[in-house]
Amino acid sequence: MYFNSDEYTDETLESRDCILHYRAYRNVPYVSNPVCERLQVLNIFIPIQYINGQTVNNYTSNTAPIFFPNAIGGYMEANPCSPYVKENGDFNTEALALKRGYVVISAGVRGRTTTDESGKFIGKAPSCIVDLKAAVRFVRSIADKICGDVNKIVSNGTSAGGAMSALLGASGDCEEYEAYLSQIGAANQSDSIFASSCYCPITNLENADSAYEWQYGHLNCNHWTRWNSDNTTTEMIDYFSLKQKQHSEDLKHIFAEYVEMLKLKDAHTLLLLEEFICTKLIESAKKAEQEGECVSKECGIYLAENKMNFALYNSYITRMKTVCCFDNPHAFTCENELFGNEFENVRHFTDYGFQNDLACVQRAPEMTVFLMNAMNFVGRKGCVKHWRIRHGAADRDTSFAISACLTLKLEECGYSVDYSLPWGVEHSGDYDLNELFDWIDFICKR
């Protein structure tokens, strides 16, 4: 790998109320043996003040944090992020990070549908996390040629990107990835980072189906939105068959066994896990009411009594996904695609999915599944100590239990976790950037 520090452009963005000047290095290869040259590149953006020897937000060219966002969604391939002005005239996330004084570095990564010229799949698990790790290693290898503190790398992502941000934070320098990194020619550097920001992380996939049934299994239908050819939408309701209801009951029992196995100090039973989630939802509702929002009692939260009915709340926000919505017997989900291999587009990744297979497909190796779950690496030497996890209170893409279990396991290991379930927020990210950046400033400056 070679980084030419002279190959840059100085660029300007103008929002409704600010002009931003920065230096840009685009499409920089980060591995010496790329599998996909168009994706295994990164962008580097540096506030121009650092080039001129000035400071921003009390940061210097040597102390500025490195904001490391990814654009991964649905475990698809992703190009590197770039700053731009949105249609409403505001800066996007990367531009606002530059304005705050951060160096912004973002990597492109392979995804579940990435193929080579012959049609062979080259982006199945664990390619996306391997690419992010390789990018971090490259950044560390050029630390003396760019601005920013490589010991203050803060990752950020949403949905599958949030899961990868969590995994990147938890699995720093873990030897299980070494063969993959060596194969693509990653730099001989550390891939540990400083902190992880995770919005609605679709992680812990091998337990996602059972967690979903634990939360929504009392509901016998799912609600979803169909887009019509004329760009209008129709609200749809699907009622479950007897077979689906049996799957739901089976998965509830599996999740109960999983939670017991975790032996979480503060939530080692389903009842305590539910109490933890309810406490966070009540906190979120109180905050919303203080800010002028109306919290209807129909949602099952009774603020005057400081109580809530969790089952009623889940009925209120409705269930969005079907039974076995992650590892489906028919193997049609994006997660089934994630765990395919070079020649097989889909595979199962849980024992239950494989045992109930209706698609005549194989099960992914246990190690491949292991490498995609942040929960498996919490407590390791390279696990970051600073975490910020957000899961919207109206987000039905995965169970609250997934982010809650990750939070509780992190806290049990002594890590600092800023966790909340923002009121009324659906499956999305980067909706509270001032708070996110305040958190980054706090952990980097204290």
Protein backbone atom coordinates (compact mmCIF):
# COMPACT_ATOMS: atom_id res chain seq x y z
CA MET A 1 0.00 0.00 0.00
CA TYR A 2 1.17 3.50 -0.80
CA PHE A 3 -0.29 6.77 0.36
CA ASN A 4 0.65 9.87 -1.63
CA SER A 5 0.05 12.84 0.64
CA ASP A 6 0.33 15.17 -2.36
CA GLU A 7 -2.73 13.74 -4.11
CA TYR A 8 -5.50 15.81 -2.59
CA THR A 9 -8.04 18.49 -3.37
CA ASP A 10 -8.98 21.41 -1.17
CA GLU A 11 -12.76 21.66 -1.17
CA THR A 12 -15.52 23.94 0.09
CA LEU A 13 -19.09 23.27 1.19
CA GLU A 14 -21.64 25.95 1.97
CA SER A 15 -24.74 25.25 4.04
CA ARG A 16 -27.49 27.70 4.93
CA ASP A 17 -25.40 29.21 7.72
CA CYS A 18 -21.80 28.03 7.35
CA ILE A 19 -18.93 27.68 4.90
CA LEU A 20 -16.70 24.65 5.41
CA HIS A 21 -13.17 24.30 4.05
CA TYR A 22 -11.36 20.96 4.14
CA ARG A 23 -8.71 18.86 2.43
CA ALA A 24 -9.88 15.66 0.76
CA TYR A 25 -8.04 12.47 -0.13
CA ARG A 26 -10.43 10.25 -2.05
CA ASN A 27 -10.42 6.59 -3.12
CA VAL A 28 -7.22 5.69 -1.30
CA PRO A 29 -6.56 1.90 -1.43
CA TYR A 30 -6.19 0.45 2.06
CA VAL A 31 -5.00 -3.08 1.27
CA SER A 32 -2.17 -4.34 -0.93
CA ASN A 33 -4.06 -7.36 -2.28
CA PRO A 34 -7.62 -6.11 -2.86
CA VAL A 35 -10.42 -8.50 -3.69
CA CYS A 36 -12.58 -5.63 -4.95
CA GLU A 37 -10.59 -2.55 -5.97
CA ARG A 38 -13.65 -0.30 -6.37
CA LEU A 39 -14.75 -0.87 -2.77
CA GLN A 40 -11.58 -1.44 -0.75
CA VAL A 41 -10.72 2.25 -0.69
CA LEU A 42 -11.21 5.00 1.85
CA ASN A 43 -11.74 8.76 1.94
CA ILE A 44 -9.92 11.13 4.26
CA PHE A 45 -11.22 14.62 5.06
CA ILE A 46 -9.29 17.11 7.20
CA PRO A 47 -10.47 20.54 8.40
CA ILE A 48 -8.35 23.07 6.56
CA GLN A 49 -7.51 24.84 9.83
CA TYR A 50 -5.21 21.98 10.78
CA ILE A 51 -3.32 22.33 7.51
CA ASN A 52 -2.81 26.00 8.39
CA GLY A 53 -1.64 25.31 11.94
CA GLN A 54 -4.87 26.45 13.57
CA THR A 55 -7.24 24.82 16.05
CA VAL A 56 -10.90 23.79 15.90
CA ASN A 57 -13.00 23.18 19.01
CA ASN A 58 -9.76 23.26 21.04
CA TYR A 59 -8.35 20.39 18.96
CA THR A 60 -5.06 20.59 17.10
CA SER A 61 -3.86 18.64 14.07
CA ASN A 62 -2.38 16.10 16.49
CA THR A 63 -5.23 15.80 19.00
CA ALA A 64 -8.30 15.82 16.75
CA PRO A 65 -10.41 12.65 17.04
CA ILE A 66 -10.85 10.56 13.91
CA PHE A 67 -14.54 10.04 13.14
CA PHE A 68 -14.89 6.72 11.32
CA PRO A 69 -18.42 6.35 9.88
CA ASN A 70 -19.57 3.51 7.67
CA ALA A 71 -22.50 3.50 5.23
CA ILE A 72 -23.38 -0.19 5.61
CA GLY A 73 -27.08 -1.00 5.42
CA GLY A 74 -28.68 -4.42 5.19
CA TYR A 75 -25.19 -5.95 5.09
CA MET A 76 -24.90 -4.66 1.54
CA GLU A 77 -21.67 -3.30 0.09
CA ALA A 78 -21.00 0.34 0.87
CA ASN A 79 -18.96 3.13 -0.66
CA PRO A 80 -16.94 5.47 1.57
CA CYS A 81 -18.92 8.33 3.10
CA SER A 82 -18.29 11.93 2.01
CA PRO A 83 -19.39 15.35 3.27
CA TYR A 84 -22.19 17.07 1.36
CA VAL A 85 -25.07 19.52 1.73
CA LYS A 86 -28.50 17.90 1.99
CA GLU A 87 -31.54 19.01 0.00
CA ASN A 88 -32.76 21.11 2.93
CA GLY A 89 -29.51 23.10 2.92
CA ASP A 90 -28.00 21.48 6.02
CA PHE A 91 -24.70 19.64 6.29
CA ASN A 92 -24.75 15.86 6.43
CA THR A 93 -23.12 13.86 9.23
CA GLU A 94 -19.59 13.92 7.81
CA ALA A 95 -19.68 17.66 7.11
CA LEU A 96 -20.94 18.38 10.63
CA ALA A 97 -18.14 16.22 12.03
CA LEU A 98 -15.60 18.27 10.10
CA LYS A 99 -17.22 21.45 11.40
CA ARG A 100 -16.86 20.09 14.96
CA GLY A 101 -13.13 19.64 14.36
CA TYR A 102 -12.89 15.92 13.68
CA VAL A 103 -10.82 14.32 10.97
CA VAL A 104 -13.28 12.17 9.01
CA ILE A 105 -12.16 8.86 7.50
CA SER A 106 -14.60 6.44 5.91
CA ALA A 107 -13.96 3.10 4.20
CA GLY A 108 -15.78 1.30 1.45
CA VAL A 109 -16.54 -2.35 2.23
CA ARG A 110 -17.73 -5.47 0.46
CA GLY A 111 -21.23 -6.78 1.12
CA ARG A 112 -23.48 -9.79 0.73
CA THR A 113 -24.24 -9.18 -2.98
CA THR A 114 -20.72 -8.21 -4.10
CA THR A 115 -19.43 -10.40 -6.93
CA ASP A 116 -16.34 -10.53 -9.10
CA GLU A 117 -16.26 -10.58 -12.92
CA SER A 118 -17.01 -14.30 -12.98
CA GLY A 119 -20.07 -13.90 -10.77
CA LYS A 120 -18.44 -15.43 -7.70
CA PHE A 121 -19.57 -13.92 -4.41
CA ILE A 122 -16.70 -12.05 -2.76
CA GLY A 123 -18.46 -10.14 0.01
CA LYS A 124 -20.09 -12.75 2.24
CA ALA A 125 -19.42 -12.84 5.98
CA PRO A 126 -17.04 -11.89 7.46
CA SER A 127 -15.88 -9.63 4.59
CA CYS A 128 -17.48 -6.39 5.83
CA ILE A 129 -15.82 -6.45 9.26
CA VAL A 130 -12.52 -7.62 7.76
CA ASP A 131 -12.54 -4.62 5.43
CA LEU A 132 -13.26 -2.18 8.25
CA LYS A 133 -10.42 -3.66 10.29
CA ALA A 134 -8.06 -3.43 7.33
CA ALA A 135 -9.00 0.23 6.88
CA VAL A 136 -8.23 0.98 10.54
CA ARG A 137 -4.85 -0.74 10.17
CA PHE A 138 -4.07 1.36 7.10
CA VAL A 139 -4.99 4.58 8.91
CA ARG A 140 -2.60 3.68 11.71
CA SER A 141 0.14 2.95 9.15
CA ILE A 142 -0.06 6.49 7.75
CA ALA A 143 -0.42 8.28 11.09
CA ASP A 144 2.62 10.46 10.40
CA LYS A 145 1.22 11.62 7.04
CA ILE A 146 -2.26 12.78 8.05
CA CYS A 147 -3.83 14.90 10.76
CA GLY A 148 -5.76 13.38 13.64
CA ASP A 149 -5.03 11.15 16.62
CA VAL A 150 -5.06 7.49 15.52
CA ASN A 151 -5.52 6.54 19.17
CA LYS A 152 -8.86 8.35 19.18
CA ILE A 153 -10.72 6.59 16.36
CA VAL A 154 -14.49 6.63 16.95
CA SER A 155 -16.61 4.39 14.71
CA ASN A 156 -20.22 5.14 13.80
CA GLY A 157 -22.90 3.18 11.96
CA THR A 158 -26.61 2.48 11.69
CA SER A 159 -28.52 -0.81 11.47
CA ALA A 160 -26.13 -3.39 9.99
CA GLY A 161 -23.61 -0.55 10.06
CA GLY A 162 -24.34 -0.15 13.77
CA ALA A 163 -23.69 -3.85 14.21
CA MET A 164 -20.36 -3.51 12.42
CA SER A 165 -19.47 -0.47 14.51
CA ALA A 166 -20.13 -2.60 17.60
CA LEU A 167 -18.13 -5.52 16.25
CA LEU A 168 -15.24 -3.27 15.26
CA GLY A 169 -15.21 -1.85 18.78
CA ALA A 170 -15.43 -5.20 20.55
CA SER A 171 -12.99 -7.27 18.48
CA GLY A 172 -9.88 -5.12 18.28
CA ASP A 173 -6.76 -7.17 17.44
CA CYS A 174 -8.55 -10.50 17.84
CA GLU A 175 -6.50 -13.25 16.23
CA GLU A 176 -9.54 -14.97 14.72
CA TYR A 177 -9.51 -12.41 11.88
CA GLU A 178 -5.78 -12.55 11.18
CA ALA A 179 -5.90 -15.01 8.28
CA TYR A 180 -8.58 -12.95 6.50
CA LEU A 181 -6.60 -9.74 6.98
CA SER A 182 -3.37 -11.31 5.78
CA GLN A 183 -5.12 -12.65 2.68
CA ILE A 184 -6.11 -9.16 1.49
CA GLY A 185 -2.78 -7.57 2.41
CA ALA A 186 -3.80 -5.50 5.43
CA ALA A 187 -1.11 -3.39 7.10
CA ASN A 188 0.77 -4.91 10.01
CA GLN A 189 -0.82 -2.61 12.55
CA SER A 190 -3.39 -2.71 15.34
CA ASP A 191 -7.06 -2.62 14.31
CA SER A 192 -8.29 -1.54 17.74
CA ILE A 193 -10.21 1.72 18.02
CA PHE A 194 -11.14 4.12 20.84
CA ALA A 195 -14.94 4.18 20.95
CA SER A 196 -18.06 2.85 19.22
CA SER A 197 -21.27 4.66 18.34
CA CYS A 198 -23.99 2.22 17.35
CA TYR A 199 -27.44 3.19 16.10
CA CYS A 200 -30.05 0.38 16.12
CA PRO A 201 -27.41 -2.34 15.72
CA ILE A 202 -28.72 -5.44 13.92
CA THR A 203 -26.24 -7.64 15.75
CA ASN A 204 -26.25 -10.99 17.58
CA LEU A 205 -27.93 -12.47 14.52
CA GLU A 206 -27.93 -16.06 15.78
CA ASN A 207 -30.22 -14.96 18.62
CA ALA A 208 -32.21 -12.31 16.75
CA ASP A 209 -35.14 -14.56 15.83
CA SER A 210 -35.61 -15.86 19.36
CA ALA A 211 -35.29 -12.35 20.84
CA TYR A 212 -37.91 -11.09 18.39
CA GLU A 213 -40.37 -13.78 19.46
CA TRP A 214 -39.67 -13.04 23.13
CA GLN A 215 -40.78 -9.45 22.53
CA TYR A 216 -43.51 -9.87 19.91
CA GLY A 217 -44.53 -13.52 20.14
CA HIS A 218 -47.85 -12.69 21.83
CA LEU A 219 -48.96 -10.98 18.61
CA ASN A 220 -50.37 -13.22 15.87
CA CYS A 221 -49.75 -10.93 12.91
CA ASN A 222 -47.22 -8.49 11.52
CA HIS A 223 -47.77 -4.99 10.09
CA TRP A 224 -45.72 -3.78 7.16
CA THR A 225 -45.80 -1.12 4.44
CA ARG A 226 -46.02 -2.05 0.74
CA TRP A 227 -44.80 0.43 -1.84
CA ASN A 228 -47.04 0.54 -4.90
CA SER A 229 -46.02 1.19 -8.49
CA ASP A 230 -47.41 4.73 -8.29
CA ASN A 231 -45.14 5.44 -5.29
CA THR A 232 -48.02 5.33 -2.83
CA THR A 233 -48.06 2.98 0.14
CA THR A 234 -50.49 0.41 1.47
CA GLU A 235 -50.47 -0.82 5.06
CA MET A 236 -50.50 -4.60 5.10
CA ILE A 237 -51.29 -7.15 7.83
CA ASP A 238 -50.23 -10.80 7.63
CA TYR A 239 -51.71 -13.31 10.07
CA PHE A 240 -49.59 -16.24 11.18
CA SER A 241 -50.23 -19.88 10.44
CA LEU A 242 -50.27 -22.61 13.09
CA LYS A 243 -46.77 -23.61 11.99
CA GLN A 244 -45.50 -20.06 12.44
CA LYS A 245 -47.07 -19.89 15.89
CA GLN A 246 -45.27 -23.11 16.81
CA HIS A 247 -41.98 -21.65 15.58
CA SER A 248 -42.66 -18.61 17.75
CA GLU A 249 -43.21 -20.74 20.87
CA ASP A 250 -40.06 -22.76 20.17
CA LEU A 251 -37.98 -19.62 19.72
CA LYS A 252 -39.25 -18.07 22.95
CA HIS A 253 -37.89 -21.05 24.86
CA ILE A 254 -34.58 -20.82 23.02
CA PHE A 255 -34.22 -17.17 24.00
CA ALA A 256 -34.94 -17.96 27.65
CA GLU A 257 -32.10 -20.50 27.60
CA TYR A 258 -29.81 -17.96 25.94
CA VAL A 259 -30.44 -15.26 28.53
CA GLU A 260 -29.82 -17.74 31.36
CA MET A 261 -26.58 -18.79 29.65
CA LEU A 262 -25.36 -15.19 29.49
CA LYS A 263 -25.43 -15.00 33.32
CA LEU A 264 -25.76 -11.24 33.20
CA LYS A 265 -25.39 -9.86 36.71
CA ASP A 266 -28.22 -7.36 36.45
CA ALA A 267 -30.53 -9.29 34.12
CA HIS A 268 -29.88 -13.00 34.34
CA THR A 269 -33.57 -13.83 33.81
CA LEU A 270 -36.13 -12.73 31.25
CA LEU A 271 -38.05 -10.86 33.94
CA LEU A 272 -35.05 -8.74 34.90
CA LEU A 273 -34.20 -8.12 31.24
CA GLU A 274 -37.76 -6.90 30.69
CA GLU A 275 -37.50 -4.64 33.75
CA PHE A 276 -34.29 -3.13 32.39
CA ILE A 277 -35.88 -2.37 29.02
CA CYS A 278 -39.04 -0.99 30.65
CA THR A 279 -36.96 1.32 32.83
CA LYS A 280 -35.26 2.72 29.71
CA LEU A 281 -38.58 3.14 27.91
CA ILE A 282 -40.09 4.98 30.88
CA GLU A 283 -37.04 7.26 31.05
CA SER A 284 -37.45 7.98 27.35
CA ALA A 285 -41.18 8.71 27.71
CA LYS A 286 -40.54 11.06 30.64
CA LYS A 287 -37.95 12.96 28.64
CA ALA A 288 -40.36 13.25 25.71
CA GLU A 289 -43.14 14.55 27.96
CA GLN A 290 -40.79 17.12 29.50
CA GLU A 291 -40.02 18.32 25.98
CA GLY A 292 -43.71 18.81 25.24
CA GLU A 293 -44.71 15.54 23.62
CA CYS A 294 -47.92 13.78 24.59
CA VAL A 295 -47.36 10.22 25.83
CA SER A 296 -50.66 8.38 25.44
CA LYS A 297 -51.67 5.86 28.10
CA GLU A 298 -52.74 3.65 25.21
CA CYS A 299 -49.08 2.78 24.72
CA GLY A 300 -49.01 1.04 28.08
CA ILE A 301 -46.76 3.53 29.88
CA TYR A 302 -48.20 5.19 32.99
CA LEU A 303 -45.80 7.93 33.95
CA ALA A 304 -47.64 9.00 37.12
CA GLU A 305 -47.18 5.48 38.54
CA ASN A 306 -43.73 5.03 36.98
CA LYS A 307 -44.95 1.75 35.48
CA MET A 308 -45.57 0.18 32.10
CA ASN A 309 -47.19 -2.85 30.50
CA PHE A 310 -44.53 -4.19 28.14
CA ALA A 311 -46.87 -6.47 26.20
CA LEU A 312 -49.34 -3.63 25.67
CA TYR A 313 -46.54 -1.34 24.51
CA ASN A 314 -45.41 -3.89 21.91
CA SER A 315 -49.00 -4.22 20.70
CA TYR A 316 -49.16 -0.42 20.45
CA ILE A 317 -46.05 -0.03 18.27
CA THR A 318 -47.08 -3.24 16.41
CA ARG A 319 -44.96 -6.08 15.14
CA MET A 320 -43.28 -5.47 11.78
CA LYS A 321 -41.55 -8.74 10.88
CA THR A 322 -42.72 -12.29 10.37
CA VAL A 323 -41.71 -15.31 12.44
CA CYS A 324 -38.15 -16.46 11.64
CA CYS A 325 -37.46 -13.07 10.09
CA PHE A 326 -33.66 -13.46 10.28
CA ASP A 327 -32.86 -17.14 9.63
CA ASN A 328 -35.94 -18.20 7.69
CA PRO A 329 -36.71 -21.84 6.79
CA HIS A 330 -37.00 -20.68 3.16
CA ALA A 331 -33.65 -18.84 3.48
CA PHE A 332 -34.85 -15.69 1.73
CA THR A 333 -33.61 -13.01 4.14
CA CYS A 334 -30.68 -10.66 3.72
CA GLU A 335 -29.08 -12.34 6.73
CA ASN A 336 -29.32 -15.71 4.98
CA GLU A 337 -27.52 -14.03 2.09
CA LEU A 338 -24.90 -12.60 4.42
CA PHE A 339 -23.87 -16.10 5.47
CA GLY A 340 -23.59 -17.56 1.99
CA ASN A 341 -20.20 -18.38 0.51
CA GLU A 342 -18.40 -17.91 -2.80
CA PHE A 343 -20.78 -20.14 -4.73
CA GLU A 344 -23.88 -20.39 -2.51
CA ASN A 345 -25.92 -17.22 -2.21
CA VAL A 346 -27.78 -18.23 0.96
CA ARG A 347 -27.15 -20.44 3.98
CA HIS A 348 -28.67 -20.92 7.40
CA PHE A 349 -26.78 -19.61 10.41
CA THR A 350 -28.73 -21.03 13.36
CA ASP A 351 -29.43 -24.58 14.46
CA TYR A 352 -33.16 -23.86 14.48
CA GLY A 353 -33.17 -22.43 10.97
CA PHE A 354 -31.20 -25.38 9.64
CA GLN A 355 -33.34 -27.97 11.46
CA ASN A 356 -36.46 -26.45 9.89
CA ASP A 357 -34.94 -25.90 6.46
CA LEU A 358 -37.36 -25.79 3.54
CA ALA A 359 -34.91 -24.48 0.94
CA CYS A 360 -32.40 -27.37 0.79
CA VAL A 361 -29.49 -25.12 1.74
CA GLN A 362 -26.54 -25.70 4.05
CA ARG A 363 -25.60 -24.18 7.40
CA ALA A 364 -22.76 -21.67 7.60
CA PRO A 365 -19.72 -22.76 9.65
CA GLU A 366 -19.99 -21.85 13.32
CA MET A 367 -16.80 -19.80 13.18
CA THR A 368 -18.16 -17.64 10.37
CA VAL A 369 -21.24 -16.87 12.46
CA PHE A 370 -19.06 -16.31 15.54
CA LEU A 371 -16.97 -13.70 13.73
CA MET A 372 -20.02 -11.53 13.03
CA ASN A 373 -21.28 -11.14 16.61
CA ALA A 374 -19.92 -8.40 18.87
CA MET A 375 -21.22 -10.27 21.93
CA ASN A 376 -18.54 -12.92 21.40
CA PHE A 377 -15.69 -10.44 21.88
CA VAL A 378 -16.85 -8.25 24.76
CA GLY A 379 -14.23 -8.39 27.50
CA ARG A 380 -11.31 -9.17 25.22
CA LYS A 381 -8.15 -7.08 25.54
CA GLY A 382 -8.91 -4.98 22.44
CA CYS A 383 -12.53 -4.19 23.34
CA VAL A 384 -13.15 -0.44 23.54
CA LYS A 385 -14.12 1.11 26.86
CA HIS A 386 -16.45 3.80 25.50
CA TRP A 387 -19.82 2.96 23.96
CA ARG A 388 -22.86 4.88 22.80
CA ILE A 389 -25.84 2.75 21.78
CA ARG A 390 -29.19 4.06 20.53
CA HIS A 391 -32.23 1.92 19.70
CA GLY A 392 -35.37 3.88 18.85
CA ALA A 393 -38.39 3.23 21.08
CA ALA A 394 -40.50 2.70 17.93
CA ASP A 395 -37.87 0.60 16.14
CA ARG A 396 -39.32 -2.82 15.28
CA ASP A 397 -36.51 -4.10 13.04
CA THR A 398 -34.96 -6.11 15.85
CA SER A 399 -35.88 -6.74 19.47
CA PHE A 400 -34.94 -4.25 22.19
CA ALA A 401 -33.35 -7.25 23.88
CA ILE A 402 -30.53 -7.34 21.34
CA SER A 403 -29.13 -3.91 22.19
CA ALA A 404 -30.06 -4.36 25.88
CA CYS A 405 -28.10 -7.61 26.20
CA LEU A 406 -25.10 -6.01 24.53
CA THR A 407 -25.33 -3.06 26.91
CA LEU A 408 -25.64 -5.22 30.00
CA LYS A 409 -22.74 -7.44 28.99
CA LEU A 410 -20.55 -4.38 28.33
CA GLU A 411 -21.48 -2.84 31.67
CA GLU A 412 -20.78 -6.10 33.47
CA CYS A 413 -17.25 -6.00 32.03
CA GLY A 414 -16.78 -2.50 33.41
CA TYR A 415 -17.14 -0.49 30.21
CA SER A 416 -18.88 2.88 30.00
CA VAL A 417 -22.13 2.62 28.01
CA ASP A 418 -24.38 5.57 27.11
CA TYR A 419 -27.56 3.66 26.21
CA SER A 420 -31.07 4.88 25.55
CA LEU A 421 -34.27 4.13 23.63
CA PRO A 422 -35.19 7.55 22.14
CA TRP A 423 -38.94 8.14 22.21
CA GLY A 424 -40.86 7.76 18.96
CA VAL A 425 -37.75 7.04 16.90
CA GLU A 426 -38.04 4.32 14.29
CA HIS A 427 -35.21 2.41 12.60
CA SER A 428 -32.73 5.17 11.82
CA GLY A 429 -29.50 6.83 12.87
CA ASP A 430 -27.61 10.10 13.15
CA TYR A 431 -30.75 11.90 14.41
CA ASP A 432 -29.03 13.41 17.46
CA LEU A 433 -25.66 14.49 16.12
CA ASN A 434 -25.13 17.32 18.60
CA GLU A 435 -25.49 14.84 21.44
CA LEU A 436 -23.28 12.31 19.66
CA PHE A 437 -20.54 14.85 19.09
CA ASP A 438 -20.84 16.14 22.67
CA TRP A 439 -20.25 12.57 23.82
CA ILE A 440 -17.20 12.25 21.56
CA ASP A 441 -15.81 15.52 22.90
CA PHE A 442 -16.38 14.37 26.47
CA ILE A 443 -14.56 11.06 26.14
CA CYS A 444 -11.73 12.54 24.06
CA LYS A 445 -11.06 15.65 26.15
CA ARG A 446 -11.49 14.47 29.70
